[in-house]
Amino acid sequence: AAANFKKTNNVEVEIQFFENDPYKTKLKTVMGSGQAPDIF
């Protein structure tokens, strides 16, 4: 989906994959810090 979207729209989507519980901890840390992912 990311590759096709980039080809069609010239927008690169960098996807990062996480385990469930570490994800919750990391997201709470970065939200509001200016380093949050664009899509979460």
PDB file of all heavy atoms in Angstrom:
ATOM      1  N   ALA A   1       0.837  -1.206   0.000  1.00  0.00           N
ATOM      2  CA  ALA A   1       0.000   0.000   0.000  1.00  0.00           C
ATOM      3  C   ALA A   1       0.868   1.250   0.000  1.00  0.00           C
ATOM      4  O   ALA A   1       0.596   2.218  -0.735  1.00  0.00           O
ATOM      5  CB  ALA A   1      -0.925  -0.008   1.219  1.00  0.00           C
ATOM      6  N   ALA A   2       1.932   1.238   0.805  1.00  0.00           N
ATOM      7  CA  ALA A   2       2.820   2.400   0.863  1.00  0.00           C
ATOM      8  C   ALA A   2       3.524   2.628  -0.473  1.00  0.00           C
ATOM      9  O   ALA A   2       3.652   3.769  -0.938  1.00  0.00           O
ATOM     10  CB  ALA A   2       3.845   2.217   1.978  1.00  0.00           C
ATOM     11  N   ALA A   3       3.984   1.536  -1.095  1.00  0.00           N
ATOM     12  CA  ALA A   3       4.678   1.665  -2.377  1.00  0.00           C
ATOM     13  C   ALA A   3       3.748   2.197  -3.454  1.00  0.00           C
ATOM     14  O   ALA A   3       4.121   3.078  -4.250  1.00  0.00           O
ATOM     15  CB  ALA A   3       5.259   0.312  -2.785  1.00  0.00           C
ATOM     16  N   ASN A   4       2.532   1.674  -3.483  1.00  0.00           N
ATOM     17  CA  ASN A   4       1.577   2.125  -4.498  1.00  0.00           C
ATOM     18  C   ASN A   4       1.161   3.571  -4.257  1.00  0.00           C
ATOM     19  O   ASN A   4       1.003   4.350  -5.197  1.00  0.00           O
ATOM     20  CB  ASN A   4       0.351   1.213  -4.484  1.00  0.00           C
ATOM     21  CG  ASN A   4      -0.442   1.319  -5.776  1.00  0.00           C
ATOM     22  OD1 ASN A   4       0.116   1.263  -6.862  1.00  0.00           O
ATOM     23  ND2 ASN A   4      -1.744   1.461  -5.637  1.00  0.00           N
ATOM     24  N   PHE A   5       0.988   3.935  -2.996  1.00  0.00           N
ATOM     25  CA  PHE A   5       0.602   5.304  -2.668  1.00  0.00           C
ATOM     26  C   PHE A   5       1.701   6.292  -3.046  1.00  0.00           C
ATOM     27  O   PHE A   5       1.426   7.385  -3.553  1.00  0.00           O
ATOM     28  CB  PHE A   5       0.292   5.410  -1.166  1.00  0.00           C
ATOM     29  CG  PHE A   5      -0.383   6.683  -0.764  1.00  0.00           C
ATOM     30  CD1 PHE A   5      -1.731   6.878  -1.008  1.00  0.00           C
ATOM     31  CD2 PHE A   5       0.318   7.688  -0.122  1.00  0.00           C
ATOM     32  CE1 PHE A   5      -2.367   8.056  -0.636  1.00  0.00           C
ATOM     33  CE2 PHE A   5      -0.306   8.867   0.265  1.00  0.00           C
ATOM     34  CZ  PHE A   5      -1.650   9.048  -0.003  1.00  0.00           C
ATOM     35  N   LYS A   6       2.940   5.889  -2.825  1.00  0.00           N
ATOM     36  CA  LYS A   6       4.048   6.767  -3.206  1.00  0.00           C
ATOM     37  C   LYS A   6       4.079   6.957  -4.713  1.00  0.00           C
ATOM     38  O   LYS A   6       4.265   8.076  -5.219  1.00  0.00           O
ATOM     39  CB  LYS A   6       5.373   6.187  -2.725  1.00  0.00           C
ATOM     40  CG  LYS A   6       6.571   7.069  -3.084  1.00  0.00           C
ATOM     41  CD  LYS A   6       7.877   6.510  -2.561  1.00  0.00           C
ATOM     42  CE  LYS A   6       9.042   7.421  -2.956  1.00  0.00           C
ATOM     43  NZ  LYS A   6      10.345   6.889  -2.473  1.00  0.00           N
ATOM     44  N   LYS A   7       3.898   5.873  -5.447  1.00  0.00           N
ATOM     45  CA  LYS A   7       3.928   5.966  -6.903  1.00  0.00           C
ATOM     46  C   LYS A   7       2.801   6.850  -7.432  1.00  0.00           C
ATOM     47  O   LYS A   7       2.979   7.626  -8.378  1.00  0.00           O
ATOM     48  CB  LYS A   7       3.812   4.567  -7.510  1.00  0.00           C
ATOM     49  CG  LYS A   7       3.906   4.553  -9.025  1.00  0.00           C
ATOM     50  CD  LYS A   7       3.930   3.149  -9.571  1.00  0.00           C
ATOM     51  CE  LYS A   7       2.599   2.473  -9.437  1.00  0.00           C
ATOM     52  NZ  LYS A   7       2.582   1.153 -10.125  1.00  0.00           N
ATOM     53  N   THR A   8       1.652   6.756  -6.818  1.00  0.00           N
ATOM     54  CA  THR A   8       0.481   7.492  -7.301  1.00  0.00           C
ATOM     55  C   THR A   8       0.446   8.928  -6.798  1.00  0.00           C
ATOM     56  O   THR A   8      -0.041   9.818  -7.499  1.00  0.00           O
ATOM     57  CB  THR A   8      -0.808   6.767  -6.837  1.00  0.00           C
ATOM     58  OG1 THR A   8      -0.718   5.387  -7.157  1.00  0.00           O
ATOM     59  CG2 THR A   8      -2.030   7.371  -7.522  1.00  0.00           C
ATOM     60  N   ASN A   9       0.981   9.175  -5.601  1.00  0.00           N
ATOM     61  CA  ASN A   9       0.830  10.487  -4.972  1.00  0.00           C
ATOM     62  C   ASN A   9       2.133  11.205  -4.645  1.00  0.00           C
ATOM     63  O   ASN A   9       2.105  12.330  -4.162  1.00  0.00           O
ATOM     64  CB  ASN A   9       0.030  10.334  -3.664  1.00  0.00           C
ATOM     65  CG  ASN A   9      -1.376   9.815  -3.903  1.00  0.00           C
ATOM     66  OD1 ASN A   9      -2.234  10.562  -4.336  1.00  0.00           O
ATOM     67  ND2 ASN A   9      -1.593   8.541  -3.655  1.00  0.00           N
ATOM     68  N   ASN A  10       3.267  10.509  -4.856  1.00  0.00           N
ATOM     69  CA  ASN A  10       4.572  11.082  -4.522  1.00  0.00           C
ATOM     70  C   ASN A  10       4.656  11.416  -3.021  1.00  0.00           C
ATOM     71  O   ASN A  10       5.192  12.450  -2.626  1.00  0.00           O
ATOM     72  CB  ASN A  10       4.874  12.321  -5.376  1.00  0.00           C
ATOM     73  CG  ASN A  10       6.352  12.646  -5.404  1.00  0.00           C
ATOM     74  OD1 ASN A  10       7.190  11.750  -5.273  1.00  0.00           O
ATOM     75  ND2 ASN A  10       6.684  13.916  -5.562  1.00  0.00           N
ATOM     76  N   VAL A  11       4.085  10.532  -2.211  1.00  0.00           N
ATOM     77  CA  VAL A  11       4.132  10.663  -0.755  1.00  0.00           C
ATOM     78  C   VAL A  11       4.700   9.371  -0.189  1.00  0.00           C
ATOM     79  O   VAL A  11       4.122   8.291  -0.390  1.00  0.00           O
ATOM     80  CB  VAL A  11       2.739  10.939  -0.150  1.00  0.00           C
ATOM     81  CG1 VAL A  11       2.822  11.008   1.365  1.00  0.00           C
ATOM     82  CG2 VAL A  11       2.143  12.222  -0.712  1.00  0.00           C
ATOM     83  N   GLU A  12       5.803   9.452   0.511  1.00  0.00           N
ATOM     84  CA  GLU A  12       6.420   8.282   1.109  1.00  0.00           C
ATOM     85  C   GLU A  12       5.822   8.039   2.500  1.00  0.00           C
ATOM     86  O   GLU A  12       5.762   8.956   3.320  1.00  0.00           O
ATOM     87  CB  GLU A  12       7.928   8.483   1.236  1.00  0.00           C
ATOM     88  CG  GLU A  12       8.652   7.303   1.861  1.00  0.00           C
ATOM     89  CD  GLU A  12      10.140   7.533   2.002  1.00  0.00           C
ATOM     90  OE1 GLU A  12      10.589   8.694   1.851  1.00  0.00           O
ATOM     91  OE2 GLU A  12      10.860   6.561   2.284  1.00  0.00           O
ATOM     92  N   VAL A  13       5.389   6.803   2.749  1.00  0.00           N
ATOM     93  CA  VAL A  13       4.834   6.426   4.048  1.00  0.00           C
ATOM     94  C   VAL A  13       5.815   5.454   4.703  1.00  0.00           C
ATOM     95  O   VAL A  13       5.983   4.320   4.257  1.00  0.00           O
ATOM     96  CB  VAL A  13       3.448   5.779   3.921  1.00  0.00           C
ATOM     97  CG1 VAL A  13       2.881   5.460   5.310  1.00  0.00           C
ATOM     98  CG2 VAL A  13       2.495   6.685   3.148  1.00  0.00           C
ATOM     99  N   GLU A  14       6.465   5.913   5.749  1.00  0.00           N
ATOM    100  CA  GLU A  14       7.413   5.085   6.492  1.00  0.00           C
ATOM    101  C   GLU A  14       6.652   4.387   7.616  1.00  0.00           C
ATOM    102  O   GLU A  14       6.122   5.036   8.524  1.00  0.00           O
ATOM    103  CB  GLU A  14       8.528   5.945   7.083  1.00  0.00           C
ATOM    104  CG  GLU A  14       9.508   5.171   7.941  1.00  0.00           C
ATOM    105  CD  GLU A  14      10.462   6.068   8.710  1.00  0.00           C
ATOM    106  OE1 GLU A  14      10.479   7.288   8.452  1.00  0.00           O
ATOM    107  OE2 GLU A  14      11.167   5.549   9.592  1.00  0.00           O
ATOM    108  N   ILE A  15       6.605   3.052   7.554  1.00  0.00           N
ATOM    109  CA  ILE A  15       5.809   2.272   8.499  1.00  0.00           C
ATOM    110  C   ILE A  15       6.723   1.618   9.519  1.00  0.00           C
ATOM    111  O   ILE A  15       7.704   0.968   9.169  1.00  0.00           O
ATOM    112  CB  ILE A  15       4.986   1.207   7.764  1.00  0.00           C
ATOM    113  CG1 ILE A  15       4.069   1.876   6.737  1.00  0.00           C
ATOM    114  CG2 ILE A  15       4.157   0.384   8.755  1.00  0.00           C
ATOM    115  CD1 ILE A  15       3.397   0.911   5.790  1.00  0.00           C
ATOM    116  N   GLN A  16       6.395   1.805  10.796  1.00  0.00           N
ATOM    117  CA  GLN A  16       7.149   1.186  11.876  1.00  0.00           C
ATOM    118  C   GLN A  16       6.217   0.252  12.648  1.00  0.00           C
ATOM    119  O   GLN A  16       5.091   0.622  12.989  1.00  0.00           O
ATOM    120  CB  GLN A  16       7.728   2.242  12.814  1.00  0.00           C
ATOM    121  CG  GLN A  16       8.752   3.148  12.142  1.00  0.00           C
ATOM    122  CD  GLN A  16       9.381   4.114  13.117  1.00  0.00           C
ATOM    123  OE1 GLN A  16       9.674   3.774  14.263  1.00  0.00           O
ATOM    124  NE2 GLN A  16       9.587   5.350  12.683  1.00  0.00           N
ATOM    125  N   PHE A  17       6.710  -0.959  12.913  1.00  0.00           N
ATOM    126  CA  PHE A  17       5.908  -2.000  13.544  1.00  0.00           C
ATOM    127  C   PHE A  17       6.377  -2.226  14.976  1.00  0.00           C
ATOM    128  O   PHE A  17       7.576  -2.309  15.240  1.00  0.00           O
ATOM    129  CB  PHE A  17       6.012  -3.302  12.747  1.00  0.00           C
ATOM    130  CG  PHE A  17       5.560  -3.175  11.318  1.00  0.00           C
ATOM    131  CD1 PHE A  17       6.458  -2.814  10.322  1.00  0.00           C
ATOM    132  CD2 PHE A  17       4.245  -3.399  10.971  1.00  0.00           C
ATOM    133  CE1 PHE A  17       6.052  -2.696   9.001  1.00  0.00           C
ATOM    134  CE2 PHE A  17       3.824  -3.285   9.654  1.00  0.00           C
ATOM    135  CZ  PHE A  17       4.728  -2.928   8.667  1.00  0.00           C
ATOM    136  N   PHE A  18       5.427  -2.348  15.916  1.00  0.00           N
ATOM    137  CA  PHE A  18       5.743  -2.460  17.340  1.00  0.00           C
ATOM    138  C   PHE A  18       4.999  -3.631  17.973  1.00  0.00           C
ATOM    139  O   PHE A  18       3.950  -4.053  17.485  1.00  0.00           O
ATOM    140  CB  PHE A  18       5.330  -1.179  18.085  1.00  0.00           C
ATOM    141  CG  PHE A  18       6.082   0.062  17.696  1.00  0.00           C
ATOM    142  CD1 PHE A  18       5.692   0.832  16.613  1.00  0.00           C
ATOM    143  CD2 PHE A  18       7.194   0.463  18.430  1.00  0.00           C
ATOM    144  CE1 PHE A  18       6.385   1.974  16.259  1.00  0.00           C
ATOM    145  CE2 PHE A  18       7.896   1.599  18.082  1.00  0.00           C
ATOM    146  CZ  PHE A  18       7.488   2.367  16.997  1.00  0.00           C
ATOM    147  N   GLU A  19       5.543  -4.122  19.096  1.00  0.00           N
ATOM    148  CA  GLU A  19       4.779  -5.005  19.969  1.00  0.00           C
ATOM    149  C   GLU A  19       3.752  -4.161  20.722  1.00  0.00           C
ATOM    150  O   GLU A  19       3.934  -2.956  20.914  1.00  0.00           O
ATOM    151  CB  GLU A  19       5.711  -5.694  20.977  1.00  0.00           C
ATOM    152  CG  GLU A  19       6.820  -6.521  20.357  1.00  0.00           C
ATOM    153  CD  GLU A  19       6.332  -7.807  19.717  1.00  0.00           C
ATOM    154  OE1 GLU A  19       5.126  -8.101  19.844  1.00  0.00           O
ATOM    155  OE2 GLU A  19       7.139  -8.492  19.072  1.00  0.00           O
ATOM    156  N   ASN A  20       2.680  -4.811  21.181  1.00  0.00           N
ATOM    157  CA  ASN A  20       1.547  -4.108  21.787  1.00  0.00           C
ATOM    158  C   ASN A  20       1.953  -3.232  22.978  1.00  0.00           C
ATOM    159  O   ASN A  20       1.763  -2.006  22.962  1.00  0.00           O
ATOM    160  CB  ASN A  20       0.505  -5.148  22.205  1.00  0.00           C
ATOM    161  CG  ASN A  20      -0.783  -4.539  22.715  1.00  0.00           C
ATOM    162  OD1 ASN A  20      -0.789  -3.600  23.488  1.00  0.00           O
ATOM    163  ND2 ASN A  20      -1.898  -5.101  22.291  1.00  0.00           N
ATOM    164  N   ASP A  21       2.478  -3.846  24.034  1.00  0.00           N
ATOM    165  CA  ASP A  21       2.730  -3.098  25.270  1.00  0.00           C
ATOM    166  C   ASP A  21       3.845  -2.064  25.129  1.00  0.00           C
ATOM    167  O   ASP A  21       3.694  -0.924  25.609  1.00  0.00           O
ATOM    168  CB  ASP A  21       2.995  -4.052  26.423  1.00  0.00           C
ATOM    169  CG  ASP A  21       1.739  -4.828  26.827  1.00  0.00           C
ATOM    170  OD1 ASP A  21       0.633  -4.277  26.665  1.00  0.00           O
ATOM    171  OD2 ASP A  21       1.861  -5.977  27.288  1.00  0.00           O
ATOM    172  N   PRO A  22       4.979  -2.389  24.475  1.00  0.00           N
ATOM    173  CA  PRO A  22       5.997  -1.347  24.262  1.00  0.00           C
ATOM    174  C   PRO A  22       5.472  -0.174  23.439  1.00  0.00           C
ATOM    175  O   PRO A  22       5.867   0.970  23.660  1.00  0.00           O
ATOM    176  CB  PRO A  22       7.115  -2.092  23.526  1.00  0.00           C
ATOM    177  CG  PRO A  22       6.959  -3.507  23.941  1.00  0.00           C
ATOM    178  CD  PRO A  22       5.477  -3.713  24.077  1.00  0.00           C
ATOM    179  N   TYR A  23       4.564  -0.476  22.513  1.00  0.00           N
ATOM    180  CA  TYR A  23       3.981   0.594  21.703  1.00  0.00           C
ATOM    181  C   TYR A  23       3.229   1.593  22.585  1.00  0.00           C
ATOM    182  O   TYR A  23       3.379   2.816  22.429  1.00  0.00           O
ATOM    183  CB  TYR A  23       3.024   0.007  20.666  1.00  0.00           C
ATOM    184  CG  TYR A  23       2.164   1.053  19.980  1.00  0.00           C
ATOM    185  CD1 TYR A  23       2.661   1.835  18.960  1.00  0.00           C
ATOM    186  CD2 TYR A  23       0.851   1.266  20.406  1.00  0.00           C
ATOM    187  CE1 TYR A  23       1.883   2.811  18.355  1.00  0.00           C
ATOM    188  CE2 TYR A  23       0.062   2.236  19.810  1.00  0.00           C
ATOM    189  CZ  TYR A  23       0.587   3.008  18.784  1.00  0.00           C
ATOM    190  OH  TYR A  23      -0.193   3.982  18.207  1.00  0.00           O
ATOM    191  N   LYS A  24       2.413   1.097  23.497  1.00  0.00           N
ATOM    192  CA  LYS A  24       1.637   1.991  24.354  1.00  0.00           C
ATOM    193  C   LYS A  24       2.548   2.921  25.153  1.00  0.00           C
ATOM    194  O   LYS A  24       2.283   4.120  25.280  1.00  0.00           O
ATOM    195  CB  LYS A  24       0.762   1.171  25.306  1.00  0.00           C
ATOM    196  CG  LYS A  24      -0.334   0.376  24.620  1.00  0.00           C
ATOM    197  CD  LYS A  24      -1.068  -0.499  25.627  1.00  0.00           C
ATOM    198  CE  LYS A  24      -2.145  -1.331  24.967  1.00  0.00           C
ATOM    199  NZ  LYS A  24      -2.812  -2.262  25.913  1.00  0.00           N
ATOM    200  N   THR A  25       3.628   2.353  25.672  1.00  0.00           N
ATOM    201  CA  THR A  25       4.572   3.150  26.461  1.00  0.00           C
ATOM    202  C   THR A  25       5.267   4.195  25.604  1.00  0.00           C
ATOM    203  O   THR A  25       5.367   5.370  25.988  1.00  0.00           O
ATOM    204  CB  THR A  25       5.624   2.231  27.103  1.00  0.00           C
ATOM    205  OG1 THR A  25       4.960   1.278  27.947  1.00  0.00           O
ATOM    206  CG2 THR A  25       6.612   3.032  27.935  1.00  0.00           C
ATOM    207  N   LYS A  26       5.731   3.788  24.443  1.00  0.00           N
ATOM    208  CA  LYS A  26       6.469   4.703  23.567  1.00  0.00           C
ATOM    209  C   LYS A  26       5.567   5.826  23.055  1.00  0.00           C
ATOM    210  O   LYS A  26       5.977   6.990  23.003  1.00  0.00           O
ATOM    211  CB  LYS A  26       7.073   3.941  22.388  1.00  0.00           C
ATOM    212  CG  LYS A  26       7.995   4.785  21.518  1.00  0.00           C
ATOM    213  CD  LYS A  26       8.681   3.945  20.458  1.00  0.00           C
ATOM    214  CE  LYS A  26       9.606   4.787  19.595  1.00  0.00           C
ATOM    215  NZ  LYS A  26      10.748   5.325  20.333  1.00  0.00           N
ATOM    216  N   LEU A  27       4.332   5.479  22.685  1.00  0.00           N
ATOM    217  CA  LEU A  27       3.445   6.515  22.154  1.00  0.00           C
ATOM    218  C   LEU A  27       3.157   7.575  23.210  1.00  0.00           C
ATOM    219  O   LEU A  27       3.163   8.777  22.909  1.00  0.00           O
ATOM    220  CB  LEU A  27       2.143   5.897  21.651  1.00  0.00           C
ATOM    221  CG  LEU A  27       1.243   6.896  20.901  1.00  0.00           C
ATOM    222  CD1 LEU A  27       1.851   7.245  19.548  1.00  0.00           C
ATOM    223  CD2 LEU A  27      -0.165   6.345  20.713  1.00  0.00           C
ATOM    224  N   LYS A  28       2.902   7.151  24.445  1.00  0.00           N
ATOM    225  CA  LYS A  28       2.625   8.127  25.500  1.00  0.00           C
ATOM    226  C   LYS A  28       3.821   9.044  25.724  1.00  0.00           C
ATOM    227  O   LYS A  28       3.659  10.223  26.082  1.00  0.00           O
ATOM    228  CB  LYS A  28       2.247   7.405  26.792  1.00  0.00           C
ATOM    229  CG  LYS A  28       0.860   6.772  26.750  1.00  0.00           C
ATOM    230  CD  LYS A  28       0.503   6.122  28.076  1.00  0.00           C
ATOM    231  CE  LYS A  28      -0.907   5.524  28.020  1.00  0.00           C
ATOM    232  NZ  LYS A  28      -1.294   4.891  29.304  1.00  0.00           N
ATOM    233  N   THR A  29       5.014   8.525  25.488  1.00  0.00           N
ATOM    234  CA  THR A  29       6.227   9.325  25.673  1.00  0.00           C
ATOM    235  C   THR A  29       6.365  10.401  24.606  1.00  0.00           C
ATOM    236  O   THR A  29       6.749  11.542  24.902  1.00  0.00           O
ATOM    237  CB  THR A  29       7.474   8.419  25.650  1.00  0.00           C
ATOM    238  OG1 THR A  29       7.366   7.455  26.712  1.00  0.00           O
ATOM    239  CG2 THR A  29       8.740   9.230  25.838  1.00  0.00           C
ATOM    240  N   VAL A  30       6.029  10.058  23.365  1.00  0.00           N
ATOM    241  CA  VAL A  30       6.286  10.996  22.260  1.00  0.00           C
ATOM    242  C   VAL A  30       5.113  11.932  21.973  1.00  0.00           C
ATOM    243  O   VAL A  30       5.313  12.990  21.368  1.00  0.00           O
ATOM    244  CB  VAL A  30       6.665  10.238  20.966  1.00  0.00           C
ATOM    245  CG1 VAL A  30       7.904   9.396  21.181  1.00  0.00           C
ATOM    246  CG2 VAL A  30       5.503   9.391  20.448  1.00  0.00           C
ATOM    247  N   MET A  31       3.903  11.552  22.377  1.00  0.00           N
ATOM    248  CA  MET A  31       2.758  12.419  22.089  1.00  0.00           C
ATOM    249  C   MET A  31       2.928  13.758  22.804  1.00  0.00           C
ATOM    250  O   MET A  31       3.210  13.823  23.997  1.00  0.00           O
ATOM    251  CB  MET A  31       1.456  11.757  22.530  1.00  0.00           C
ATOM    252  CG  MET A  31       1.046  10.587  21.655  1.00  0.00           C
ATOM    253  SD  MET A  31       0.706  11.017  19.932  1.00  0.00           S
ATOM    254  CE  MET A  31      -0.950  11.695  20.087  1.00  0.00           C
ATOM    255  N   GLY A  32       2.780  14.820  22.069  1.00  0.00           N
ATOM    256  CA  GLY A  32       2.923  16.161  22.629  1.00  0.00           C
ATOM    257  C   GLY A  32       4.355  16.637  22.712  1.00  0.00           C
ATOM    258  O   GLY A  32       4.610  17.767  23.167  1.00  0.00           O
ATOM    259  N   SER A  33       5.300  15.803  22.226  1.00  0.00           N
ATOM    260  CA  SER A  33       6.715  16.173  22.317  1.00  0.00           C
ATOM    261  C   SER A  33       7.249  16.784  21.027  1.00  0.00           C
ATOM    262  O   SER A  33       8.392  17.190  20.960  1.00  0.00           O
ATOM    263  CB  SER A  33       7.552  14.933  22.645  1.00  0.00           C
ATOM    264  OG  SER A  33       7.579  14.047  21.533  1.00  0.00           O
ATOM    265  N   GLY A  34       6.392  16.784  19.989  1.00  0.00           N
ATOM    266  CA  GLY A  34       6.851  17.221  18.673  1.00  0.00           C
ATOM    267  C   GLY A  34       7.486  16.092  17.882  1.00  0.00           C
ATOM    268  O   GLY A  34       7.905  16.291  16.743  1.00  0.00           O
ATOM    269  N   GLN A  35       7.553  14.889  18.468  1.00  0.00           N
ATOM    270  CA  GLN A  35       8.151  13.740  17.793  1.00  0.00           C
ATOM    271  C   GLN A  35       7.141  12.611  17.570  1.00  0.00           C
ATOM    272  O   GLN A  35       7.526  11.477  17.288  1.00  0.00           O
ATOM    273  CB  GLN A  35       9.332  13.215  18.623  1.00  0.00           C
ATOM    274  CG  GLN A  35      10.439  14.246  18.808  1.00  0.00           C
ATOM    275  CD  GLN A  35      11.575  13.707  19.671  1.00  0.00           C
ATOM    276  OE1 GLN A  35      11.493  12.616  20.226  1.00  0.00           O
ATOM    277  NE2 GLN A  35      12.635  14.480  19.774  1.00  0.00           N
ATOM    278  N   ALA A  36       5.874  12.929  17.658  1.00  0.00           N
ATOM    279  CA  ALA A  36       4.835  11.918  17.458  1.00  0.00           C
ATOM    280  C   ALA A  36       4.793  11.496  15.993  1.00  0.00           C
ATOM    281  O   ALA A  36       5.100  12.283  15.100  1.00  0.00           O
ATOM    282  CB  ALA A  36       3.475  12.474  17.872  1.00  0.00           C
ATOM    283  N   PRO A  37       4.421  10.238  15.721  1.00  0.00           N
ATOM    284  CA  PRO A  37       4.240   9.826  14.325  1.00  0.00           C
ATOM    285  C   PRO A  37       3.077  10.583  13.707  1.00  0.00           C
ATOM    286  O   PRO A  37       2.171  11.044  14.412  1.00  0.00           O
ATOM    287  CB  PRO A  37       3.931   8.331  14.441  1.00  0.00           C
ATOM    288  CG  PRO A  37       3.324   8.187  15.799  1.00  0.00           C
ATOM    289  CD  PRO A  37       4.045   9.180  16.665  1.00  0.00           C
ATOM    290  N   ASP A  38       3.090  10.710  12.386  1.00  0.00           N
ATOM    291  CA  ASP A  38       1.981  11.395  11.713  1.00  0.00           C
ATOM    292  C   ASP A  38       0.686  10.607  11.866  1.00  0.00           C
ATOM    293  O   ASP A  38      -0.385  11.176  12.094  1.00  0.00           O
ATOM    294  CB  ASP A  38       2.309  11.569  10.221  1.00  0.00           C
ATOM    295  CG  ASP A  38       3.520  12.443  10.002  1.00  0.00           C
ATOM    296  OD1 ASP A  38       3.494  13.612  10.422  1.00  0.00           O
ATOM    297  OD2 ASP A  38       4.509  11.957   9.415  1.00  0.00           O
ATOM    298  N   ILE A  39       0.780   9.292  11.748  1.00  0.00           N
ATOM    299  CA  ILE A  39      -0.375   8.398  11.862  1.00  0.00           C
ATOM    300  C   ILE A  39      -0.047   7.363  12.933  1.00  0.00           C
ATOM    301  O   ILE A  39       1.027   6.767  12.921  1.00  0.00           O
ATOM    302  CB  ILE A  39      -0.661   7.681  10.528  1.00  0.00           C
ATOM    303  CG1 ILE A  39      -0.907   8.702   9.405  1.00  0.00           C
ATOM    304  CG2 ILE A  39      -1.841   6.738  10.658  1.00  0.00           C
ATOM    305  CD1 ILE A  39      -0.923   8.084   8.009  1.00  0.00           C
ATOM    306  N   PHE A  40      -0.963   7.146  13.872  1.00  0.00           N
ATOM    307  CA  PHE A  40      -0.676   6.186  14.930  1.00  0.00           C
ATOM    308  C   PHE A  40      -1.859   5.257  15.188  1.00  0.00           C
ATOM    309  O   PHE A  40      -3.013   5.633  15.033  1.00  0.00           O
ATOM    310  CB  PHE A  40      -0.259   6.892  16.231  1.00  0.00           C
ATOM    311  CG  PHE A  40      -1.312   7.766  16.860  1.00  0.00           C
ATOM    312  CD1 PHE A  40      -2.140   7.257  17.854  1.00  0.00           C
ATOM    313  CD2 PHE A  40      -1.469   9.094  16.477  1.00  0.00           C
ATOM    314  CE1 PHE A  40      -3.114   8.063  18.445  1.00  0.00           C
ATOM    315  CE2 PHE A  40      -2.423   9.908  17.066  1.00  0.00           C
ATOM    316  CZ  PHE A  40      -3.254   9.391  18.054  1.00  0.00           C
TER     317      PHE A  40
END
